[in-house]
C-alpha atoms as a PDB file:
ATOM      1  CA  MET A   1      -3.732  21.876  -1.625  1.00  0.00           C
ATOM      2  CA  ILE A   2      -2.561  21.978   2.055  1.00  0.00           C
ATOM      3  CA  ARG A   3      -4.215  19.883   4.573  1.00  0.00           C
ATOM      4  CA  VAL A   4      -4.924  21.633   7.808  1.00  0.00           C
ATOM      5  CA  ALA A   5      -6.159  20.634  11.121  1.00  0.00           C
ATOM      6  CA  ILE A   6      -7.307  23.165  13.679  1.00  0.00           C
ATOM      7  CA  VAL A   7      -7.938  21.627  17.204  1.00  0.00           C
ATOM      8  CA  GLU A   8      -9.692  24.170  19.122  1.00  0.00           C
ATOM      9  CA  ASP A   9     -12.713  24.173  21.347  1.00  0.00           C
ATOM     10  CA  ASP A  10     -13.593  27.540  20.827  1.00  0.00           C
ATOM     11  CA  THR A  11     -15.429  27.892  17.718  1.00  0.00           C
ATOM     12  CA  ALA A  12     -14.984  31.729  17.147  1.00  0.00           C
ATOM     13  CA  SER A  13     -11.164  31.415  17.654  1.00  0.00           C
ATOM     14  CA  ALA A  14     -11.151  28.239  15.181  1.00  0.00           C
ATOM     15  CA  ARG A  15     -13.182  30.287  12.322  1.00  0.00           C
ATOM     16  CA  GLU A  16     -10.916  33.224  13.006  1.00  0.00           C
ATOM     17  CA  LEU A  17      -7.777  31.450  12.711  1.00  0.00           C
ATOM     18  CA  ASP A  18      -8.947  29.468   9.408  1.00  0.00           C
ATOM     19  CA  SER A  19      -9.756  33.026   8.070  1.00  0.00           C
ATOM     20  CA  TYR A  20      -6.368  34.390   8.719  1.00  0.00           C
ATOM     21  CA  LEU A  21      -4.805  31.316   7.067  1.00  0.00           C
ATOM     22  CA  LYS A  22      -7.014  31.561   4.013  1.00  0.00           C
ATOM     23  CA  ARG A  23      -5.997  35.060   3.403  1.00  0.00           C
ATOM     24  CA  LEU A  24      -2.372  34.335   3.923  1.00  0.00           C
ATOM     25  CA  LEU A  25      -2.287  31.402   1.835  1.00  0.00           C
ATOM     26  CA  LEU A  26      -4.192  33.334  -1.001  1.00  0.00           C
ATOM     27  CA  GLU A  27      -1.596  36.031  -1.107  1.00  0.00           C
ATOM     28  CA  ASN A  28       0.865  33.290  -1.616  1.00  0.00           C
ATOM     29  CA  ASN A  29      -0.997  31.528  -4.454  1.00  0.00           C
ATOM     30  CA  LEU A  30      -1.547  28.564  -2.101  1.00  0.00           C
ATOM     31  CA  SER A  31      -4.819  26.605  -1.147  1.00  0.00           C
ATOM     32  CA  HIS A  32      -5.991  24.559   1.711  1.00  0.00           C
ATOM     33  CA  ASP A  33      -8.428  22.309   3.256  1.00  0.00           C
ATOM     34  CA  THR A  34      -9.256  22.593   6.696  1.00  0.00           C
ATOM     35  CA  VAL A  35     -10.802  19.922   9.254  1.00  0.00           C
ATOM     36  CA  PHE A  36     -11.936  21.245  12.750  1.00  0.00           C
ATOM     37  CA  PHE A  37     -11.619  19.482  15.942  1.00  0.00           C
ATOM     38  CA  SER A  38     -13.386  20.467  19.226  1.00  0.00           C
ATOM     39  CA  THR A  39     -11.175  18.449  21.271  1.00  0.00           C
ATOM     40  CA  ALA A  40      -7.912  16.939  21.276  1.00  0.00           C
ATOM     41  CA  ASP A  41      -9.231  13.399  21.889  1.00  0.00           C
ATOM     42  CA  LYS A  42     -11.456  13.705  18.563  1.00  0.00           C
ATOM     43  CA  PHE A  43      -8.343  14.688  16.788  1.00  0.00           C
ATOM     44  CA  LEU A  44      -6.254  11.806  18.129  1.00  0.00           C
ATOM     45  CA  SER A  45      -9.230   9.186  17.467  1.00  0.00           C
ATOM     46  CA  ILE A  46      -8.840   9.805  13.492  1.00  0.00           C
ATOM     47  CA  PHE A  47      -5.322  10.933  13.049  1.00  0.00           C
ATOM     48  CA  ARG A  48      -3.089   8.997  10.954  1.00  0.00           C
ATOM     49  CA  LYS A  49       0.535   9.860   9.850  1.00  0.00           C
ATOM     50  CA  GLY A  50       0.430  12.133   6.644  1.00  0.00           C
ATOM     51  CA  ASP A  51      -3.146  13.219   7.189  1.00  0.00           C
ATOM     52  CA  PHE A  52      -2.218  16.622   7.642  1.00  0.00           C
ATOM     53  CA  ASP A  53       0.506  19.182   6.446  1.00  0.00           C
ATOM     54  CA  ILE A  54      -0.199  21.611   9.385  1.00  0.00           C
ATOM     55  CA  VAL A  55      -1.819  21.314  12.607  1.00  0.00           C
ATOM     56  CA  PHE A  56      -2.938  24.214  14.850  1.00  0.00           C
ATOM     57  CA  MET A  57      -3.229  23.135  18.591  1.00  0.00           C
ATOM     58  CA  ASP A  58      -4.605  24.668  21.410  1.00  0.00           C
ATOM     59  CA  ILE A  59      -3.445  23.631  24.826  1.00  0.00           C
ATOM     60  CA  ASP A  60      -6.419  24.257  27.310  1.00  0.00           C
ATOM     61  CA  MET A  61      -9.240  21.939  26.195  1.00  0.00           C
ATOM     62  CA  PRO A  62     -11.667  19.332  27.725  1.00  0.00           C
ATOM     63  CA  GLY A  63     -10.275  16.216  27.964  1.00  0.00           C
ATOM     64  CA  THR A  64      -6.658  15.477  26.866  1.00  0.00           C
ATOM     65  CA  ASN A  65      -4.618  19.044  26.551  1.00  0.00           C
ATOM     66  CA  GLY A  66      -3.021  19.896  23.547  1.00  0.00           C
ATOM     67  CA  MET A  67       0.527  19.421  24.925  1.00  0.00           C
ATOM     68  CA  ASP A  68      -0.235  15.668  25.779  1.00  0.00           C
ATOM     69  CA  ALA A  69      -1.851  15.484  22.135  1.00  0.00           C
ATOM     70  CA  ALA A  70       1.237  17.109  20.562  1.00  0.00           C
ATOM     71  CA  ARG A  71       3.372  14.226  22.117  1.00  0.00           C
ATOM     72  CA  LYS A  72       1.164  11.487  21.098  1.00  0.00           C
ATOM     73  CA  LEU A  73       1.127  12.898  17.572  1.00  0.00           C
ATOM     74  CA  ARG A  74       4.905  13.076  17.531  1.00  0.00           C
ATOM     75  CA  LYS A  75       5.036   9.370  18.276  1.00  0.00           C
ATOM     76  CA  SER A  76       3.611   8.602  14.946  1.00  0.00           C
ATOM     77  CA  ASP A  77       4.490  11.801  12.706  1.00  0.00           C
ATOM     78  CA  MET A  78       7.610  14.079  12.829  1.00  0.00           C
ATOM     79  CA  ASP A  79       6.701  15.769   9.754  1.00  0.00           C
ATOM     80  CA  ALA A  80       3.333  17.742  10.390  1.00  0.00           C
ATOM     81  CA  ILE A  81       4.119  21.073  11.028  1.00  0.00           C
ATOM     82  CA  LEU A  82       2.751  21.561  14.755  1.00  0.00           C
ATOM     83  CA  ILE A  83       1.740  25.092  15.621  1.00  0.00           C
ATOM     84  CA  PHE A  84       0.375  25.906  19.152  1.00  0.00           C
ATOM     85  CA  VAL A  85      -2.247  28.849  19.471  1.00  0.00           C
ATOM     86  CA  THR A  86      -3.300  29.259  23.076  1.00  0.00           C
ATOM     87  CA  ASN A  87      -3.563  31.789  25.626  1.00  0.00           C
ATOM     88  CA  LEU A  88      -1.205  29.713  27.940  1.00  0.00           C
ATOM     89  CA  SER A  89       2.174  31.543  27.518  1.00  0.00           C
ATOM     90  CA  GLN A  90       3.692  29.389  30.092  1.00  0.00           C
ATOM     91  CA  TYR A  91       3.941  26.484  28.008  1.00  0.00           C
ATOM     92  CA  ALA A  92       6.178  28.116  25.395  1.00  0.00           C
ATOM     93  CA  LEU A  93       9.392  26.528  26.408  1.00  0.00           C
ATOM     94  CA  GLU A  94       7.645  23.109  26.769  1.00  0.00           C
ATOM     95  CA  SER A  95       6.590  23.298  22.948  1.00  0.00           C
ATOM     96  CA  TYR A  96      10.334  22.949  22.060  1.00  0.00           C
ATOM     97  CA  ASP A  97       9.663  19.172  23.406  1.00  0.00           C
ATOM     98  CA  VAL A  98       7.481  18.275  20.754  1.00  0.00           C
ATOM     99  CA  GLN A  99       9.276  20.194  17.932  1.00  0.00           C
ATOM    100  CA  ALA A 100       6.556  22.855  17.464  1.00  0.00           C
ATOM    101  CA  PHE A 101       7.144  24.999  14.656  1.00  0.00           C
ATOM    102  CA  ASN A 102       5.758  28.155  16.120  1.00  0.00           C
ATOM    103  CA  PHE A 103       4.000  29.125  19.490  1.00  0.00           C
ATOM    104  CA  MET A 104       1.288  31.818  19.332  1.00  0.00           C
ATOM    105  CA  VAL A 105      -0.165  33.647  22.317  1.00  0.00           C
ATOM    106  CA  LYS A 106      -3.779  34.679  22.113  1.00  0.00           C
ATOM    107  CA  PRO A 107      -5.412  37.296  21.168  1.00  0.00           C
ATOM    108  CA  ILE A 108      -3.712  37.268  17.903  1.00  0.00           C
ATOM    109  CA  ASN A 109      -4.191  39.769  14.846  1.00  0.00           C
ATOM    110  CA  TYR A 110      -3.639  39.181  11.399  1.00  0.00           C
ATOM    111  CA  ASP A 111      -0.355  40.821  10.963  1.00  0.00           C
ATOM    112  CA  ASP A 112       1.255  38.900  13.938  1.00  0.00           C
ATOM    113  CA  PHE A 113      -0.175  35.747  12.425  1.00  0.00           C
ATOM    114  CA  ALA A 114       1.346  36.462   9.026  1.00  0.00           C
ATOM    115  CA  MET A 115       4.778  37.189  10.162  1.00  0.00           C
ATOM    116  CA  LYS A 116       4.981  34.414  12.309  1.00  0.00           C
ATOM    117  CA  MET A 117       3.622  32.104   9.657  1.00  0.00           C
ATOM    118  CA  GLY A 118       6.155  33.345   7.314  1.00  0.00           C
ATOM    119  CA  ARG A 119       8.703  30.421   7.676  1.00  0.00           C
ATOM    120  CA  VAL A 120       5.992  28.175   7.546  1.00  0.00           C
ATOM    121  CA  ILE A 121       5.112  29.417   4.089  1.00  0.00           C
ATOM    122  CA  ALA A 122       8.616  29.320   3.078  1.00  0.00           C
ATOM    123  CA  ASN A 123       9.045  25.775   4.297  1.00  0.00           C
ATOM    124  CA  ILE A 124       5.872  24.410   2.408  1.00  0.00           C
ATOM    125  CA  LYS A 125       6.884  26.208  -0.967  1.00  0.00           C
ATOM    126  CA  SER A 126      10.151  24.550  -0.698  1.00  0.00           C
ATOM    127  CA  SER A 127       8.896  21.203  -0.035  1.00  0.00           C
ATOM    128  CA  SER A 128       6.162  21.147  -2.389  1.00  0.00           C
ATOM    129  CA  ASN A 129       8.336  19.397  -4.971  1.00  0.00           C
ATOM    130  CA  ASN A 130       8.862  16.468  -2.718  1.00  0.00           C
ATOM    131  CA  LYS A 131       5.139  15.776  -2.309  1.00  0.00           C
ATOM    132  CA  ILE A 132       2.154  14.462  -4.369  1.00  0.00           C
ATOM    133  CA  LEU A 133      -1.318  14.976  -4.137  1.00  0.00           C
ATOM    134  CA  ILE A 134      -3.477  11.769  -3.825  1.00  0.00           C
ATOM    135  CA  SER A 135      -7.252  11.205  -4.524  1.00  0.00           C
ATOM    136  CA  TYR A 136      -8.483   8.108  -3.088  1.00  0.00           C
ATOM    137  CA  LYS A 137     -11.683   6.373  -2.169  1.00  0.00           C
ATOM    138  CA  LYS A 138     -12.517   5.405   1.501  1.00  0.00           C
ATOM    139  CA  ASN A 139     -15.838   4.213   2.887  1.00  0.00           C
ATOM    140  CA  GLY A 140     -17.471   5.444  -0.503  1.00  0.00           C
ATOM    141  CA  CYS A 141     -16.133   8.743  -0.108  1.00  0.00           C
ATOM    142  CA  ILE A 142     -13.401  10.562  -2.061  1.00  0.00           C
ATOM    143  CA  ASN A 143     -10.550  11.875   0.047  1.00  0.00           C
ATOM    144  CA  GLU A 144      -7.293  13.580  -0.679  1.00  0.00           C
ATOM    145  CA  LYS A 145      -3.860  12.938   1.018  1.00  0.00           C
ATOM    146  CA  ILE A 146      -0.667  14.682   0.380  1.00  0.00           C
ATOM    147  CA  ALA A 147       1.968  12.233   0.410  1.00  0.00           C
ATOM    148  CA  LEU A 148       5.928  12.320   0.644  1.00  0.00           C
ATOM    149  CA  ILE A 149       7.096  11.068  -2.652  1.00  0.00           C
ATOM    150  CA  SER A 150       9.908   9.102  -0.423  1.00  0.00           C
ATOM    151  CA  ASN A 151       7.030   7.459   1.434  1.00  0.00           C
ATOM    152  CA  ILE A 152       5.519   5.756  -2.144  1.00  0.00           C
ATOM    153  CA  ARG A 153       6.868   2.237  -2.312  1.00  0.00           C
ATOM    154  CA  TYR A 154       5.309   1.498  -5.474  1.00  0.00           C
ATOM    155  CA  VAL A 155       2.207   1.977  -7.504  1.00  0.00           C
ATOM    156  CA  GLU A 156       0.233  -0.372  -9.613  1.00  0.00           C
ATOM    157  CA  ILE A 157      -2.628   0.154 -12.016  1.00  0.00           C
ATOM    158  CA  ARG A 158      -5.603  -2.091 -11.996  1.00  0.00           C
ATOM    159  CA  ASP A 159      -8.857  -2.082 -13.952  1.00  0.00           C
ATOM    160  CA  HIS A 160      -7.896   1.737 -14.710  1.00  0.00           C
ATOM    161  CA  THR A 161      -7.486   2.430 -11.154  1.00  0.00           C
ATOM    162  CA  LEU A 162      -4.115   3.474  -9.420  1.00  0.00           C
ATOM    163  CA  ILE A 163      -3.446   1.612  -6.248  1.00  0.00           C
ATOM    164  CA  TRP A 164      -0.729   3.537  -4.172  1.00  0.00           C
ATOM    165  CA  HIS A 165       1.268   1.337  -1.826  1.00  0.00           C
ATOM    166  CA  LEU A 166       2.745   4.000   0.732  1.00  0.00           C
ATOM    167  CA  ALA A 167       4.967   3.301   3.820  1.00  0.00           C
ATOM    168  CA  ASP A 168       1.828   3.945   5.953  1.00  0.00           C
ATOM    169  CA  GLY A 169      -0.848   1.775   4.109  1.00  0.00           C
ATOM    170  CA  ASP A 170      -2.456   1.208   0.720  1.00  0.00           C
ATOM    171  CA  TYR A 171      -4.813   3.706  -0.840  1.00  0.00           C
ATOM    172  CA  SER A 172      -7.157   2.871  -3.932  1.00  0.00           C
ATOM    173  CA  GLY A 173      -7.236   6.063  -6.337  1.00  0.00           C
ATOM    174  CA  LEU A 174      -9.889   7.232  -8.544  1.00  0.00           C
ATOM    175  CA  ARG A 175     -10.825   5.407 -11.790  1.00  0.00           C
ATOM    176  CA  GLY A 176      -9.293   6.871 -15.041  1.00  0.00           C
ATOM    177  CA  GLU A 177      -5.954   7.964 -13.728  1.00  0.00           C
ATOM    178  CA  SER A 178      -2.926   7.441 -15.870  1.00  0.00           C
ATOM    179  CA  MET A 179       0.074   5.470 -15.101  1.00  0.00           C
ATOM    180  CA  LYS A 180       2.074   6.928 -17.995  1.00  0.00           C
ATOM    181  CA  SER A 181       1.456  10.551 -16.535  1.00  0.00           C
ATOM    182  CA  LEU A 182       2.532   9.391 -13.074  1.00  0.00           C
ATOM    183  CA  ASP A 183       5.645   7.996 -14.473  1.00  0.00           C
ATOM    184  CA  ALA A 184       6.521  11.388 -16.311  1.00  0.00           C
ATOM    185  CA  LYS A 185       5.437  13.182 -12.932  1.00  0.00           C
ATOM    186  CA  LEU A 186       7.935  11.055 -10.962  1.00  0.00           C
ATOM    187  CA  ASP A 187      10.442  11.387 -13.415  1.00  0.00           C
ATOM    188  CA  ASN A 188      14.060  11.676 -11.883  1.00  0.00           C
ATOM    189  CA  CYS A 189      12.602  10.613  -8.353  1.00  0.00           C
ATOM    190  CA  GLY A 190      14.204   7.485  -8.123  1.00  0.00           C
ATOM    191  CA  PHE A 191      11.235   5.447  -9.803  1.00  0.00           C
ATOM    192  CA  ALA A 192      11.035   2.669 -12.540  1.00  0.00           C
ATOM    193  CA  MET A 193       8.381   0.592 -14.351  1.00  0.00           C
ATOM    194  CA  CYS A 194       9.281  -2.984 -13.998  1.00  0.00           C
ATOM    195  CA  ASP A 195       5.754  -3.742 -16.017  1.00  0.00           C
ATOM    196  CA  GLN A 196       3.308  -1.513 -17.803  1.00  0.00           C
ATOM    197  CA  SER A 197       1.279  -1.837 -14.583  1.00  0.00           C
ATOM    198  CA  PHE A 198       3.866  -1.277 -11.924  1.00  0.00           C
ATOM    199  CA  LEU A 199       5.987   1.642 -10.944  1.00  0.00           C
ATOM    200  CA  VAL A 200       8.476   0.922  -8.231  1.00  0.00           C
ATOM    201  CA  ASN A 201      10.314   3.201  -5.893  1.00  0.00           C
ATOM    202  CA  ILE A 202      13.668   1.752  -6.193  1.00  0.00           C
ATOM    203  CA  LYS A 203      15.110   2.669  -2.544  1.00  0.00           C
ATOM    204  CA  TYR A 204      12.318   0.270  -1.172  1.00  0.00           C
ATOM    205  CA  ILE A 205      13.606  -2.848  -3.273  1.00  0.00           C
ATOM    206  CA  THR A 206      14.847  -5.601  -1.042  1.00  0.00           C
ATOM    207  CA  SER A 207      15.892  -7.977  -3.632  1.00  0.00           C
ATOM    208  CA  VAL A 208      15.743  -8.173  -7.565  1.00  0.00           C
ATOM    209  CA  ASN A 209      16.587 -10.817 -10.276  1.00  0.00           C
ATOM    210  CA  LYS A 210      15.642 -11.149 -13.975  1.00  0.00           C
ATOM    211  CA  GLU A 211      12.377 -12.326 -13.355  1.00  0.00           C
ATOM    212  CA  GLU A 212      10.934 -10.381 -10.463  1.00  0.00           C
ATOM    213  CA  VAL A 213      11.456  -7.650  -7.751  1.00  0.00           C
ATOM    214  CA  HIS A 214      10.859  -7.993  -4.212  1.00  0.00           C
ATOM    215  CA  ILE A 215       9.714  -5.213  -2.133  1.00  0.00           C
ATOM    216  CA  GLY A 216       9.318  -6.258   1.516  1.00  0.00           C
ATOM    217  CA  ASN A 217       7.238  -9.388   1.301  1.00  0.00           C
ATOM    218  CA  ASP A 218       5.456  -8.188  -2.039  1.00  0.00           C
ATOM    219  CA  ILE A 219       6.866  -9.678  -5.262  1.00  0.00           C
ATOM    220  CA  ILE A 220       6.234  -8.116  -8.583  1.00  0.00           C
ATOM    221  CA  LYS A 221       7.044  -9.768 -11.861  1.00  0.00           C
ATOM    222  CA  ILE A 222       9.230  -7.892 -14.380  1.00  0.00           C
ATOM    223  CA  SER A 223       7.796  -8.117 -17.968  1.00  0.00           C
ATOM    224  CA  ARG A 224      10.344  -8.908 -20.829  1.00  0.00           C
ATOM    225  CA  ARG A 225       9.483  -5.526 -22.738  1.00  0.00           C
ATOM    226  CA  LYS A 226      10.565  -3.318 -19.516  1.00  0.00           C
ATOM    227  CA  ARG A 227      13.270  -5.954 -18.315  1.00  0.00           C
ATOM    228  CA  GLN A 228      16.675  -4.406 -19.807  1.00  0.00           C
ATOM    229  CA  GLU A 229      15.649  -0.669 -19.001  1.00  0.00           C
ATOM    230  CA  PHE A 230      14.246  -1.597 -15.681  1.00  0.00           C
ATOM    231  CA  LEU A 231      17.521  -3.345 -14.363  1.00  0.00           C
ATOM    232  CA  SER A 232      19.593  -0.678 -15.936  1.00  0.00           C
ATOM    233  CA  LYS A 233      17.634   2.017 -14.055  1.00  0.00           C
ATOM    234  CA  VAL A 234      18.008  -0.026 -10.612  1.00  0.00           C
ATOM    235  CA  ALA A 235      21.795  -0.764 -11.258  1.00  0.00           C
ATOM    236  CA  LYS A 236      22.390   3.062 -11.832  1.00  0.00           C
ATOM    237  CA  GLN A 237      20.457   4.090  -8.779  1.00  0.00           C
ATOM    238  CA  LEU A 238      22.172   1.676  -6.587  1.00  0.00           C
ATOM    239  CA  ALA A 239      25.584   2.802  -7.981  1.00  0.00           C
ATOM    240  CA  GLY A 240      24.390   6.594  -6.858  1.00  0.00           C
ATOM    241  CA  THR A 241      24.304   7.463 -10.910  1.00  0.00           C
ATOM    242  CA  VAL A 242      20.596   8.103 -11.578  1.00  0.00           C
ATOM    243  CA  GLY A 243      20.395  11.079 -13.961  1.00  0.00           C
ATOM    244  CA  SER A 244      24.081  11.372 -14.713  1.00  0.00           C
ATOM    245  CA  ASP A 245      25.612  10.640 -18.103  1.00  0.00           C
END
């Protein structure tokens, strides 16, 4: 599922934009979840890197304007697809400074929207294999996050619950998820199990010996059962030969 933020102070414009997006994604067999923000300040107050795949941003809003908000967004997240939708065409050139993917001038009809979103859809489809959907609990609520596989440091299972250790923080998954199925899903992505309860992204290993593996300040024991397979896979990865015969 594609996570979308629409930062727009005009409710009618925001709803119209979301309806266009829903129609376009359905035509491409994609689904999405939209969070609406009536000001850039509300968006910035909750935003964390990786929260959204696409951010639609108006420019002329109360408080922080969209261009300044985009600059703040880019200080922490260079991966989100940023699209300006505004009636202020004079900002078009400035949008390149914040790596905006597109700049749409209101009013916009569906055909124009679909045409300008063509590259976005192609980009999402081509990168979908590099991402994974994580369901996690926060403040008693179930949330979803699309994470880059490359940002997963390691995953552990504790009390039948996956704990995701990502580059931007830790997330407690939902009870009942399987480490075995996750290992299969991340096969050939540079991961290895050092224990039946730990799946490690090899690129984040800072040191390793026969007994334990270090990922930054985190130390994980290597089980006897997994030792030979794990160390062999680590050696191949470091030699750049993972997946080769």
